[in-house]
Amino acid sequence: MSSYQVIARKWRPTVFEQIVGQEHVTRTLKNAVKTGHFAHAYLFCGPRGVGKTTAARILAKCLNCSGEPSSAPCNSCDSCKSIINGSSVDVMEIDGASNNKVEDIRELREAVGYVPSQGKYRVYIIDEVHMVTQQAFNALLKTLEEPPPHVVFIFATTEAHKIPLTIVSRCQRFDFKRIPFKDIQGHLSKIAAQEGIKTDDKALFTLARESDGSLRDAQSLLEQVAAFSGGAVTDADVSSALGLMDRTSLFELVGAVIRADGPSCLNIVEKIYDFGYDLKVASARLIECVRDVTVLKVAGDSSLVDMPDSEAASLAALARDAPLERLQTIFSVLSKGYEEISRSASQRYSFEMALLKSVHLDVQPVDALVARLEELGRSIGARGGTGNADGVKKSASVQMPVQPHAATTSKSAAEAARVVDANAATDDLGAFIRQKNVPWATSLDGSVISRGEASVEISTDAANASFLVLKKDTIEKFASDCFGKKMSVTITTKEAPLGVVRDDKTVKDAVRILKGRVIEDRRRG
């Protein structure tokens, strides 16, 4: 029988100081054991492979080590050795997935009454405790709240949200966090040196990145790649053994998107697809890379991105040539594209369309849009004669000529009856529109409304006039209903009618620019 032990088991920590990246947990537990103020129930939560079960075993050794409880177990006494090799009768590790019924909890309740046979405490470590049923949890409540003085419960779970609050409230909860990439990289370097495995920093970083914050996963990946390479481990070996996309292709793809080079994007996707790489993962890596470029653009600090210095330098070069607004919009488009890729039956097509959409974005800085609008405003003002910077004419309020109330021409009496003075027109049309309870009726407040035989002129300030122009068709309908015949409406800002420039090229340009601004706001939203 082979005596070989895998790296993850061989390098499992035996004291609190060896646990990587969980100082907030280990310090609390050490002080609790040292002072004797430890709890009767603990709940260890966190991602896989970050040290939950290991910390539980070390705590059990601390409580049962020969002599008084110690924050640093000796790992040489009979109690420590039996816990290490899993033969201790006082420390029981229970799988919550296969012991999750009420009957299993009933047996546990009966067993907790027995005093420890070797150490001072009976420790029950229940792993994946979230798999226990609600009924079984309820059966454990009383025992968990008031256990015998020689019993300590330690629960471990990767899904803390599934634990009933009645259980959580009876435990001291510790949240284990994902281990930082650089801590994993440093620990892997130490293991590789001790195991005689030749590596480089880039290969170790790739292993740390693929472990997703799990030290156990990183150790397993190191062992797998070492077996693949048969000796020295390089970054190319890591990519080949784990089926990873070449980072060079990823950086080329990011550069092509930033440069708006659609053909290059499609060619790179072709290479990725032929290689057989998961396009959903490729999309996620691309989004991560765009995020890193954006961070380097804003902060200029490579310590804020998790990557080797050589890669950070490559992305910093891309960041210098890319406008911040474009990077933010690309990130938004690709993030929405990732959601489509996740649901799509044809991931390649969705990926390509997301890339092309990000390539053909016409995003302009807000300052540039404002400057162009101000220039258009001045152009409109110049065409009208005298204008301010906003291109809106201002003068004293002038009421348009009023038609005589009585007929003075050959018009019939019926026609003359329809001709009213301006004040009457104001009262009639304004009141008529307000009776319709339309929300924009208040825009007529302060306006001068003058009526001709078949027309109505509304003179108001620039802000209301710009809005009323948009409602011109509706106002004409209301005016026709109010006066009993078809009426045309002209909106003016004091002297200058807005209608005369509605089809002007400068206004069309302004509308196009504003439309682009609205699209940009929607993308950001």
Protein backbone atom coordinates (compact mmCIF):
# COMPACT_ATOMS: atom_id res chain seq x y z
CA MET A 1 0.00 0.00 0.00
CA SER A 2 1.35 3.41 -0.97
CA SER A 3 2.20 5.77 1.90
CA TYR A 4 1.97 8.86 -0.31
CA GLN A 5 -0.20 11.63 1.13
CA VAL A 6 -1.67 14.34 -1.05
CA ILE A 7 -0.41 17.88 -0.55
CA ALA A 8 -3.72 19.19 0.81
CA ARG A 9 -3.65 16.62 3.66
CA LYS A 10 0.08 16.68 4.22
CA TRP A 11 0.10 20.46 4.59
CA ARG A 12 -3.07 20.75 6.69
CA PRO A 13 -2.35 23.19 9.58
CA THR A 14 -1.84 21.66 13.03
CA VAL A 15 -1.85 24.92 15.04
CA PHE A 16 -3.75 28.19 14.68
CA GLU A 17 -0.68 30.07 13.48
CA GLN A 18 -0.48 27.93 10.35
CA ILE A 19 -4.00 28.80 9.15
CA VAL A 20 -3.66 31.25 6.24
CA GLY A 21 -5.74 34.40 5.90
CA GLN A 22 -8.09 33.94 8.89
CA GLU A 23 -6.34 35.91 11.62
CA HIS A 24 -9.62 37.44 12.83
CA VAL A 25 -10.85 33.93 13.70
CA THR A 26 -7.68 32.32 15.03
CA ARG A 27 -6.85 35.22 17.34
CA THR A 28 -10.30 35.13 18.95
CA LEU A 29 -10.23 31.37 19.45
CA LYS A 30 -6.71 31.40 20.92
CA ASN A 31 -7.61 34.09 23.44
CA ALA A 32 -10.85 32.31 24.35
CA VAL A 33 -9.01 29.05 25.11
CA LYS A 34 -6.20 30.86 26.94
CA THR A 35 -8.63 32.65 29.28
CA GLY A 36 -11.04 29.72 29.58
CA HIS A 37 -13.93 31.83 28.22
CA PHE A 38 -14.81 29.60 25.30
CA ALA A 39 -18.38 28.99 24.17
CA HIS A 40 -20.31 25.71 24.20
CA ALA A 41 -21.31 26.10 20.52
CA TYR A 42 -19.58 27.61 17.48
CA LEU A 43 -20.72 28.19 13.91
CA PHE A 44 -17.96 28.42 11.29
CA CYS A 45 -19.21 29.89 7.98
CA GLY A 46 -17.39 30.58 4.74
CA PRO A 47 -16.39 29.34 1.26
CA ARG A 48 -14.91 25.92 0.64
CA GLY A 49 -11.28 25.19 1.44
CA VAL A 50 -10.54 28.18 3.67
CA GLY A 51 -9.93 26.37 6.99
CA LYS A 52 -13.29 25.83 8.74
CA THR A 53 -12.91 22.13 9.56
CA THR A 54 -9.19 22.57 10.20
CA ALA A 55 -9.89 25.30 12.76
CA ALA A 56 -12.49 23.05 14.40
CA ARG A 57 -9.98 20.22 14.78
CA ILE A 58 -7.32 22.53 16.20
CA LEU A 59 -9.84 23.92 18.69
CA ALA A 60 -10.74 20.36 19.72
CA LYS A 61 -7.03 19.61 20.28
CA CYS A 62 -6.63 22.78 22.34
CA LEU A 63 -9.49 21.76 24.62
CA ASN A 64 -8.33 18.16 25.08
CA CYS A 65 -4.55 18.55 25.06
CA SER A 66 -2.88 16.93 28.11
CA GLY A 67 -2.77 19.24 31.08
CA GLU A 68 -4.79 22.44 31.07
CA PRO A 69 -6.51 23.69 27.88
CA SER A 70 -3.91 25.50 25.79
CA SER A 71 -4.08 27.88 22.83
CA ALA A 72 -1.21 25.92 21.25
CA PRO A 73 -1.75 22.12 21.24
CA CYS A 74 1.37 20.01 21.61
CA ASN A 75 0.39 17.57 18.82
CA SER A 76 2.44 14.89 20.59
CA CYS A 77 0.27 13.69 23.47
CA ASP A 78 -2.09 10.72 23.07
CA SER A 79 -5.15 12.98 22.88
CA CYS A 80 -3.68 15.19 20.12
CA LYS A 81 -2.43 12.19 18.15
CA SER A 82 -5.80 10.43 18.28
CA ILE A 83 -7.56 13.60 17.06
CA ILE A 84 -5.03 13.98 14.23
CA ASN A 85 -5.48 10.40 12.98
CA GLY A 86 -9.24 10.46 13.55
CA SER A 87 -9.40 7.73 16.21
CA SER A 88 -10.42 9.88 19.19
CA VAL A 89 -13.59 8.75 20.96
CA ASP A 90 -14.06 12.21 22.44
CA VAL A 91 -13.97 14.16 19.17
CA MET A 92 -16.61 13.08 16.68
CA GLU A 93 -16.79 14.46 13.17
CA ILE A 94 -20.29 14.06 11.74
CA ASP A 95 -21.36 14.58 8.14
CA GLY A 96 -24.48 16.72 8.19
CA ALA A 97 -25.52 15.55 4.72
CA SER A 98 -25.86 11.88 5.74
CA ASN A 99 -26.89 12.41 9.39
CA ASN A 100 -29.63 14.96 8.91
CA LYS A 101 -32.75 13.23 10.23
CA VAL A 102 -34.51 13.52 13.58
CA GLU A 103 -33.41 9.96 14.46
CA ASP A 104 -29.75 10.94 14.02
CA ILE A 105 -30.16 13.97 16.28
CA ARG A 106 -31.95 11.81 18.85
CA GLU A 107 -28.94 9.49 18.98
CA LEU A 108 -26.64 12.49 19.37
CA ARG A 109 -28.73 13.83 22.25
CA GLU A 110 -28.40 10.51 24.05
CA ALA A 111 -24.63 10.38 23.48
CA VAL A 112 -23.86 13.86 24.86
CA GLY A 113 -24.67 12.66 28.36
CA TYR A 114 -21.58 10.46 28.49
CA VAL A 115 -18.47 11.99 30.03
CA PRO A 116 -15.26 12.08 27.94
CA SER A 117 -13.09 8.98 28.24
CA GLN A 118 -9.69 10.47 27.48
CA GLY A 119 -9.76 14.25 27.34
CA LYS A 120 -11.75 16.85 29.21
CA TYR A 121 -14.41 17.63 26.60
CA ARG A 122 -16.54 15.78 24.13
CA VAL A 123 -16.43 17.80 20.90
CA TYR A 124 -19.00 17.29 18.14
CA ILE A 125 -17.91 18.68 14.76
CA ILE A 126 -20.84 18.68 12.31
CA ASP A 127 -19.72 19.52 8.78
CA GLU A 128 -22.14 20.90 6.14
CA VAL A 129 -24.64 21.44 8.92
CA HIS A 130 -26.99 23.31 6.56
CA MET A 131 -28.04 19.89 5.19
CA VAL A 132 -29.77 19.02 8.47
CA THR A 133 -33.56 19.14 8.18
CA GLN A 134 -35.70 21.72 9.94
CA GLN A 135 -37.25 19.05 12.17
CA ALA A 136 -33.81 17.78 13.18
CA PHE A 137 -32.68 21.31 14.01
CA ASN A 138 -35.75 21.76 16.20
CA ALA A 139 -34.94 18.53 18.03
CA LEU A 140 -31.45 19.88 18.79
CA LEU A 141 -32.50 23.28 20.11
CA LYS A 142 -32.80 22.44 23.82
CA THR A 143 -29.58 20.42 23.92
CA LEU A 144 -27.71 23.14 22.02
CA GLU A 145 -28.91 25.86 24.37
CA GLU A 146 -28.03 24.02 27.61
CA PRO A 147 -25.58 21.20 26.86
CA PRO A 148 -23.70 19.30 29.58
CA PRO A 149 -20.61 21.23 30.77
CA HIS A 150 -18.26 18.75 29.09
CA VAL A 151 -19.76 19.15 25.57
CA VAL A 152 -18.76 21.59 22.83
CA PHE A 153 -20.52 21.78 19.45
CA ILE A 154 -18.73 23.10 16.36
CA PHE A 155 -20.84 23.53 13.20
CA ALA A 156 -19.27 24.19 9.78
CA THR A 157 -21.16 25.30 6.68
CA THR A 158 -20.68 26.90 3.28
CA GLU A 159 -24.29 28.16 3.19
CA ALA A 160 -24.95 30.04 6.40
CA HIS A 161 -28.22 31.50 5.10
CA LYS A 162 -29.80 28.03 5.33
CA ILE A 163 -29.18 27.74 9.07
CA PRO A 164 -32.28 28.60 11.17
CA LEU A 165 -31.89 31.75 13.24
CA THR A 166 -32.82 29.76 16.34
CA ILE A 167 -29.61 27.76 15.82
CA VAL A 168 -27.45 30.76 14.92
CA SER A 169 -28.53 32.65 18.05
CA ARG A 170 -27.28 29.81 20.26
CA CYS A 171 -23.78 29.81 18.70
CA GLN A 172 -20.79 32.08 18.40
CA ARG A 173 -20.56 32.76 14.68
CA PHE A 174 -17.26 33.16 12.82
CA ASP A 175 -17.21 34.12 9.15
CA PHE A 176 -14.19 32.78 7.28
CA LYS A 177 -13.26 34.88 4.25
CA ARG A 178 -11.78 34.03 0.88
CA ILE A 179 -8.02 33.93 1.10
CA PRO A 180 -6.29 36.75 -0.85
CA PHE A 181 -4.48 35.73 -4.05
CA LYS A 182 -1.11 36.90 -2.83
CA ASP A 183 -1.40 34.94 0.43
CA ILE A 184 -2.22 31.79 -1.55
CA GLN A 185 0.64 32.49 -3.95
CA GLY A 186 3.09 32.88 -1.06
CA HIS A 187 1.90 29.68 0.62
CA LEU A 188 2.14 27.72 -2.64
CA SER A 189 5.69 29.00 -3.10
CA LYS A 190 6.59 27.69 0.35
CA ILE A 191 5.00 24.30 -0.36
CA ALA A 192 6.72 24.01 -3.75
CA ALA A 193 10.11 24.76 -2.20
CA GLN A 194 9.59 22.11 0.49
CA GLU A 195 8.30 19.53 -2.00
CA GLY A 196 11.10 20.13 -4.50
CA ILE A 197 8.77 21.49 -7.22
CA LYS A 198 10.35 24.18 -9.42
CA THR A 199 7.91 27.00 -10.23
CA ASP A 200 7.83 30.65 -11.28
CA ASP A 201 5.77 33.51 -9.88
CA LYS A 202 3.49 33.72 -12.91
CA ALA A 203 2.58 30.03 -12.70
CA LEU A 204 1.87 30.30 -8.97
CA PHE A 205 -0.27 33.37 -9.50
CA THR A 206 -2.31 31.58 -12.17
CA LEU A 207 -2.88 28.69 -9.76
CA ALA A 208 -3.93 31.13 -7.03
CA ARG A 209 -6.32 32.92 -9.38
CA GLU A 210 -7.95 29.67 -10.51
CA SER A 211 -8.43 28.54 -6.89
CA ASP A 212 -10.93 31.37 -6.35
CA GLY A 213 -9.78 32.06 -2.79
CA SER A 214 -9.65 28.40 -1.68
CA LEU A 215 -6.27 27.24 -0.39
CA ARG A 216 -7.27 23.58 -0.60
CA ASP A 217 -8.17 24.01 -4.29
CA ALA A 218 -4.86 25.75 -4.91
CA GLN A 219 -2.92 22.89 -3.31
CA SER A 220 -4.81 20.33 -5.38
CA LEU A 221 -4.16 22.28 -8.58
CA LEU A 222 -0.45 22.56 -7.77
CA GLU A 223 -0.25 18.80 -7.33
CA GLN A 224 -2.12 18.20 -10.59
CA VAL A 225 0.11 20.53 -12.62
CA ALA A 226 3.26 19.12 -11.02
CA ALA A 227 2.20 15.65 -12.15
CA PHE A 228 1.51 17.02 -15.65
CA SER A 229 4.87 18.75 -16.03
CA GLY A 230 6.93 16.00 -14.44
CA GLY A 231 9.27 18.54 -12.87
CA ALA A 232 9.41 22.31 -13.29
CA VAL A 233 6.02 24.03 -13.43
CA THR A 234 5.64 26.96 -15.85
CA ASP A 235 2.70 29.18 -16.66
CA ALA A 236 2.30 27.35 -19.99
CA ASP A 237 2.11 24.05 -18.08
CA VAL A 238 -0.62 25.47 -15.86
CA SER A 239 -2.66 26.64 -18.87
CA SER A 240 -2.22 23.31 -20.67
CA ALA A 241 -2.94 21.10 -17.66
CA LEU A 242 -6.02 23.05 -16.55
CA GLY A 243 -7.32 23.97 -20.02
CA LEU A 244 -7.02 27.72 -19.44
CA MET A 245 -7.20 30.43 -22.06
CA ASP A 246 -3.87 32.07 -22.82
CA ARG A 247 -3.71 35.43 -21.06
CA THR A 248 -2.05 36.90 -24.14
CA SER A 249 -5.21 36.22 -26.15
CA LEU A 250 -7.28 37.83 -23.41
CA PHE A 251 -5.19 41.01 -23.46
CA GLU A 252 -5.34 41.08 -27.26
CA LEU A 253 -9.12 40.87 -27.08
CA VAL A 254 -9.32 43.72 -24.56
CA GLY A 255 -7.07 45.85 -26.75
CA ALA A 256 -9.18 45.13 -29.84
CA VAL A 257 -12.37 46.18 -28.02
CA ILE A 258 -10.81 49.41 -26.77
CA ARG A 259 -9.45 50.23 -30.26
CA ALA A 260 -12.89 49.44 -31.77
CA ASP A 261 -11.31 46.79 -34.01
CA GLY A 262 -14.25 44.51 -34.83
CA PRO A 263 -12.47 42.12 -37.24
CA SER A 264 -9.71 41.43 -34.70
CA CYS A 265 -12.33 40.67 -32.03
CA LEU A 266 -14.00 38.09 -34.28
CA ASN A 267 -10.68 36.48 -35.18
CA ILE A 268 -9.72 36.13 -31.51
CA VAL A 269 -13.11 34.61 -30.69
CA GLU A 270 -12.51 32.13 -33.50
CA LYS A 271 -9.21 31.09 -31.87
CA ILE A 272 -10.85 30.76 -28.45
CA TYR A 273 -13.69 28.70 -29.89
CA ASP A 274 -11.35 26.38 -31.82
CA PHE A 275 -9.33 25.83 -28.67
CA GLY A 276 -12.49 24.60 -26.96
CA TYR A 277 -12.44 27.11 -24.14
CA ASP A 278 -15.69 27.83 -22.30
CA LEU A 279 -16.97 31.09 -23.78
CA LYS A 280 -18.94 31.92 -20.64
CA VAL A 281 -15.72 31.77 -18.63
CA ALA A 282 -13.93 33.73 -21.37
CA SER A 283 -16.59 36.44 -21.11
CA ALA A 284 -16.18 36.57 -17.32
CA ARG A 285 -12.40 36.88 -17.67
CA LEU A 286 -12.84 39.65 -20.25
CA ILE A 287 -15.12 41.61 -17.90
CA GLU A 288 -12.58 41.17 -15.10
CA CYS A 289 -9.84 42.43 -17.39
CA VAL A 290 -11.86 45.53 -18.44
CA ARG A 291 -12.45 46.22 -14.76
CA ASP A 292 -8.70 46.03 -14.09
CA VAL A 293 -7.98 48.43 -16.97
CA THR A 294 -10.57 50.86 -15.57
CA VAL A 295 -9.08 50.69 -12.07
CA LEU A 296 -5.59 51.35 -13.45
CA LYS A 297 -7.01 54.26 -15.46
CA VAL A 298 -8.58 55.85 -12.38
CA ALA A 299 -6.09 55.00 -9.63
CA GLY A 300 -2.88 54.21 -11.49
CA ASP A 301 -2.03 51.79 -8.67
CA SER A 302 -1.19 48.20 -9.63
CA SER A 303 -1.70 47.06 -6.01
CA LEU A 304 -5.46 47.35 -6.56
CA VAL A 305 -5.45 44.62 -9.21
CA ASP A 306 -4.59 40.97 -8.57
CA MET A 307 -2.03 40.13 -11.22
CA PRO A 308 1.73 39.96 -11.79
CA ASP A 309 3.58 43.20 -12.45
CA SER A 310 4.21 42.25 -16.10
CA GLU A 311 0.47 41.89 -16.77
CA ALA A 312 -0.30 45.08 -14.86
CA ALA A 313 2.14 46.97 -17.07
CA SER A 314 0.42 45.67 -20.23
CA LEU A 315 -3.01 46.75 -18.98
CA ALA A 316 -1.68 50.13 -17.83
CA ALA A 317 -0.57 50.79 -21.42
CA LEU A 318 -4.12 50.06 -22.62
CA ALA A 319 -5.56 52.28 -19.89
CA ARG A 320 -3.54 55.32 -21.02
CA ASP A 321 -5.14 55.33 -24.48
CA ALA A 322 -8.75 54.61 -23.42
CA PRO A 323 -11.24 57.31 -22.30
CA LEU A 324 -12.79 56.53 -18.92
CA GLU A 325 -16.34 56.96 -20.25
CA ARG A 326 -15.69 54.37 -22.96
CA LEU A 327 -14.26 51.85 -20.48
CA GLN A 328 -17.28 52.22 -18.22
CA THR A 329 -19.69 51.75 -21.11
CA ILE A 330 -17.77 48.73 -22.43
CA PHE A 331 -17.96 47.16 -18.98
CA SER A 332 -21.73 47.75 -18.87
CA VAL A 333 -22.31 46.28 -22.34
CA LEU A 334 -20.13 43.22 -21.70
CA SER A 335 -21.81 42.59 -18.33
CA LYS A 336 -25.21 42.50 -20.00
CA GLY A 337 -23.72 40.33 -22.73
CA TYR A 338 -22.50 37.87 -20.08
CA GLU A 339 -26.08 37.43 -18.90
CA GLU A 340 -27.19 36.68 -22.47
CA ILE A 341 -24.31 34.23 -22.95
CA SER A 342 -25.31 32.39 -19.78
CA ARG A 343 -28.83 31.83 -21.14
CA SER A 344 -27.98 31.37 -24.80
CA ALA A 345 -27.96 28.06 -26.65
CA SER A 346 -25.36 29.57 -29.03
CA GLN A 347 -22.78 31.10 -26.74
CA ARG A 348 -20.37 31.98 -29.51
CA TYR A 349 -22.91 34.11 -31.37
CA SER A 350 -23.97 35.94 -28.22
CA PHE A 351 -20.33 36.55 -27.30
CA GLU A 352 -19.54 37.93 -30.76
CA MET A 353 -22.57 40.23 -30.76
CA ALA A 354 -21.70 41.57 -27.31
CA LEU A 355 -18.18 42.34 -28.49
CA LEU A 356 -19.37 44.07 -31.66
CA LYS A 357 -21.87 46.11 -29.70
CA SER A 358 -19.10 47.32 -27.39
CA VAL A 359 -16.82 48.01 -30.37
CA HIS A 360 -19.30 50.22 -32.23
CA LEU A 361 -20.31 52.37 -29.29
CA ASP A 362 -20.10 56.09 -30.08
CA VAL A 363 -19.49 57.42 -26.59
CA GLN A 364 -18.42 61.03 -26.17
CA PRO A 365 -17.36 62.72 -22.92
CA VAL A 366 -20.05 64.78 -21.23
CA ASP A 367 -17.88 67.91 -21.37
CA ALA A 368 -17.60 67.57 -25.14
CA LEU A 369 -21.38 67.18 -25.49
CA VAL A 370 -22.00 70.27 -23.36
CA ALA A 371 -19.51 72.30 -25.40
CA ARG A 372 -21.17 71.28 -28.68
CA LEU A 373 -24.63 72.15 -27.35
CA GLU A 374 -23.43 75.56 -26.23
CA GLU A 375 -21.96 76.14 -29.70
CA LEU A 376 -25.26 75.15 -31.30
CA GLY A 377 -27.08 77.48 -28.93
CA ARG A 378 -24.90 80.39 -30.02
CA SER A 379 -25.49 79.43 -33.66
CA ILE A 380 -29.26 79.50 -33.16
CA GLY A 381 -29.00 82.88 -31.44
CA ALA A 382 -26.96 84.28 -34.33
CA ARG A 383 -29.53 83.14 -36.87
CA GLY A 384 -32.30 84.87 -34.94
CA GLY A 385 -30.54 88.22 -34.70
CA THR A 386 -29.81 88.91 -31.01
CA GLY A 387 -29.41 86.03 -28.65
CA ASN A 388 -27.73 85.06 -25.42
CA ALA A 389 -25.40 82.08 -24.91
CA ASP A 390 -28.35 79.74 -24.87
CA GLY A 391 -29.55 80.96 -28.26
CA VAL A 392 -32.91 82.13 -26.86
CA LYS A 393 -34.20 85.62 -27.68
CA LYS A 394 -35.33 87.78 -24.85
CA SER A 395 -37.36 90.99 -25.01
CA ALA A 396 -40.23 92.72 -23.29
CA SER A 397 -43.53 90.89 -23.39
CA VAL A 398 -45.39 91.98 -26.52
CA GLN A 399 -48.99 90.99 -27.06
CA MET A 400 -49.96 90.26 -30.63
CA PRO A 401 -52.51 92.53 -32.39
CA VAL A 402 -56.08 91.92 -31.35
CA GLN A 403 -58.80 91.42 -33.90
CA PRO A 404 -61.81 93.74 -33.46
CA HIS A 405 -64.65 92.16 -31.57
CA ALA A 406 -67.26 93.45 -34.07
CA ALA A 407 -67.22 92.68 -37.79
CA THR A 408 -65.73 95.56 -39.84
CA THR A 409 -65.45 93.81 -43.18
CA SER A 410 -67.74 91.88 -45.42
CA LYS A 411 -67.54 88.80 -43.16
CA SER A 412 -70.83 87.40 -42.06
CA ALA A 413 -72.09 87.97 -38.57
CA ALA A 414 -71.52 84.29 -37.73
CA GLU A 415 -67.86 84.54 -38.72
CA ALA A 416 -67.40 87.79 -36.81
CA ALA A 417 -68.81 86.15 -33.69
CA ARG A 418 -65.90 83.74 -33.67
CA VAL A 419 -63.32 86.52 -33.51
CA VAL A 420 -62.57 87.37 -29.87
CA ASP A 421 -60.03 89.57 -28.21
CA ALA A 422 -56.77 88.22 -26.77
CA ASN A 423 -57.94 88.26 -23.17
CA ALA A 424 -61.03 86.25 -24.02
CA ALA A 425 -58.89 83.79 -25.99
CA THR A 426 -56.59 83.45 -23.00
CA ASP A 427 -59.48 82.70 -20.70
CA ASP A 428 -61.21 80.34 -23.12
CA LEU A 429 -58.24 78.22 -24.30
CA GLY A 430 -56.34 78.26 -21.00
CA ALA A 431 -59.42 77.26 -19.02
CA PHE A 432 -60.34 74.66 -21.63
CA ILE A 433 -56.91 72.96 -21.42
CA ARG A 434 -56.90 73.06 -17.62
CA GLN A 435 -60.31 71.35 -17.58
CA LYS A 436 -58.66 68.42 -19.38
CA ASN A 437 -56.47 67.83 -16.27
CA VAL A 438 -53.35 67.31 -18.36
CA PRO A 439 -50.20 67.44 -16.17
CA TRP A 440 -48.45 69.98 -18.43
CA ALA A 441 -51.25 72.60 -18.24
CA THR A 442 -49.19 74.55 -15.69
CA SER A 443 -46.71 75.31 -18.49
CA LEU A 444 -49.26 77.85 -19.78
CA ASP A 445 -49.06 79.90 -16.58
CA GLY A 446 -47.79 83.41 -17.36
CA SER A 447 -48.18 82.93 -21.10
CA VAL A 448 -49.82 85.48 -23.41
CA ILE A 449 -52.34 83.73 -25.67
CA SER A 450 -53.57 85.63 -28.71
CA ARG A 451 -56.18 84.35 -31.15
CA GLY A 452 -56.67 85.16 -34.76
CA GLU A 453 -59.44 83.95 -37.04
CA ALA A 454 -57.92 80.50 -37.56
CA SER A 455 -54.79 80.62 -35.45
CA VAL A 456 -53.59 80.90 -31.88
CA GLU A 457 -50.26 82.32 -30.79
CA ILE A 458 -48.78 81.46 -27.38
CA SER A 459 -45.95 83.71 -26.21
CA THR A 460 -44.07 82.54 -23.11
CA ASP A 461 -40.60 82.23 -21.61
CA ALA A 462 -37.91 80.03 -23.17
CA ALA A 463 -38.22 77.12 -20.72
CA ASN A 464 -41.98 76.70 -21.19
CA ALA A 465 -41.80 77.40 -24.92
CA SER A 466 -39.33 74.56 -25.51
CA PHE A 467 -41.70 72.17 -23.77
CA LEU A 468 -44.90 73.48 -25.41
CA VAL A 469 -43.38 73.01 -28.87
CA LEU A 470 -43.33 69.29 -28.13
CA LYS A 471 -47.05 69.49 -27.28
CA LYS A 472 -47.95 71.60 -30.32
CA ASP A 473 -50.12 68.95 -32.01
CA THR A 474 -52.07 68.35 -28.80
CA ILE A 475 -52.57 72.09 -28.23
CA GLU A 476 -53.87 72.50 -31.80
CA LYS A 477 -56.42 69.74 -31.16
CA PHE A 478 -57.53 71.41 -27.93
CA ALA A 479 -57.77 74.81 -29.67
CA SER A 480 -59.86 73.33 -32.51
CA ASP A 481 -62.21 71.71 -29.96
CA CYS A 482 -62.40 74.90 -27.93
CA PHE A 483 -63.23 77.26 -30.82
CA GLY A 484 -65.22 74.83 -32.95
CA LYS A 485 -63.01 74.88 -36.04
CA LYS A 486 -59.52 73.88 -37.12
CA MET A 487 -56.93 76.14 -35.53
CA SER A 488 -53.17 76.38 -36.03
CA VAL A 489 -50.87 77.12 -33.11
CA THR A 490 -47.62 79.07 -33.04
CA ILE A 491 -45.32 78.97 -29.99
CA THR A 492 -43.02 81.97 -29.52
CA THR A 493 -40.45 83.10 -26.99
CA LYS A 494 -41.58 86.67 -26.63
CA GLU A 495 -40.70 87.95 -30.18
CA ALA A 496 -39.27 84.95 -32.05
CA PRO A 497 -41.51 82.05 -33.08
CA LEU A 498 -39.87 78.68 -32.30
CA GLY A 499 -41.62 77.02 -35.22
CA VAL A 500 -39.47 78.77 -37.82
CA VAL A 501 -36.33 76.90 -36.80
CA ARG A 502 -37.80 73.45 -36.08
CA ASP A 503 -36.44 72.02 -39.34
CA ASP A 504 -33.11 73.86 -39.22
CA LYS A 505 -29.97 71.73 -39.61
CA THR A 506 -28.45 73.06 -36.39
CA VAL A 507 -31.49 71.98 -34.40
CA LYS A 508 -31.35 68.56 -36.02
CA ASP A 509 -27.71 68.32 -34.94
CA ALA A 510 -28.68 69.28 -31.41
CA VAL A 511 -31.41 66.64 -31.33
CA ARG A 512 -28.95 64.01 -32.55
CA ILE A 513 -26.44 64.93 -29.85
CA LEU A 514 -29.08 64.92 -27.14
CA LYS A 515 -30.32 61.54 -28.35
CA GLY A 516 -26.80 60.16 -27.99
CA ARG A 517 -26.66 61.57 -24.47
CA VAL A 518 -29.93 59.84 -23.55
CA ILE A 519 -28.63 56.53 -24.92
CA GLU A 520 -25.46 56.90 -22.87
CA ASP A 521 -27.48 57.59 -19.70
CA ARG A 522 -29.60 54.50 -20.32
CA ARG A 523 -26.50 52.33 -20.76
CA ARG A 524 -25.04 53.63 -17.54
CA GLY A 525 -28.35 53.02 -15.79
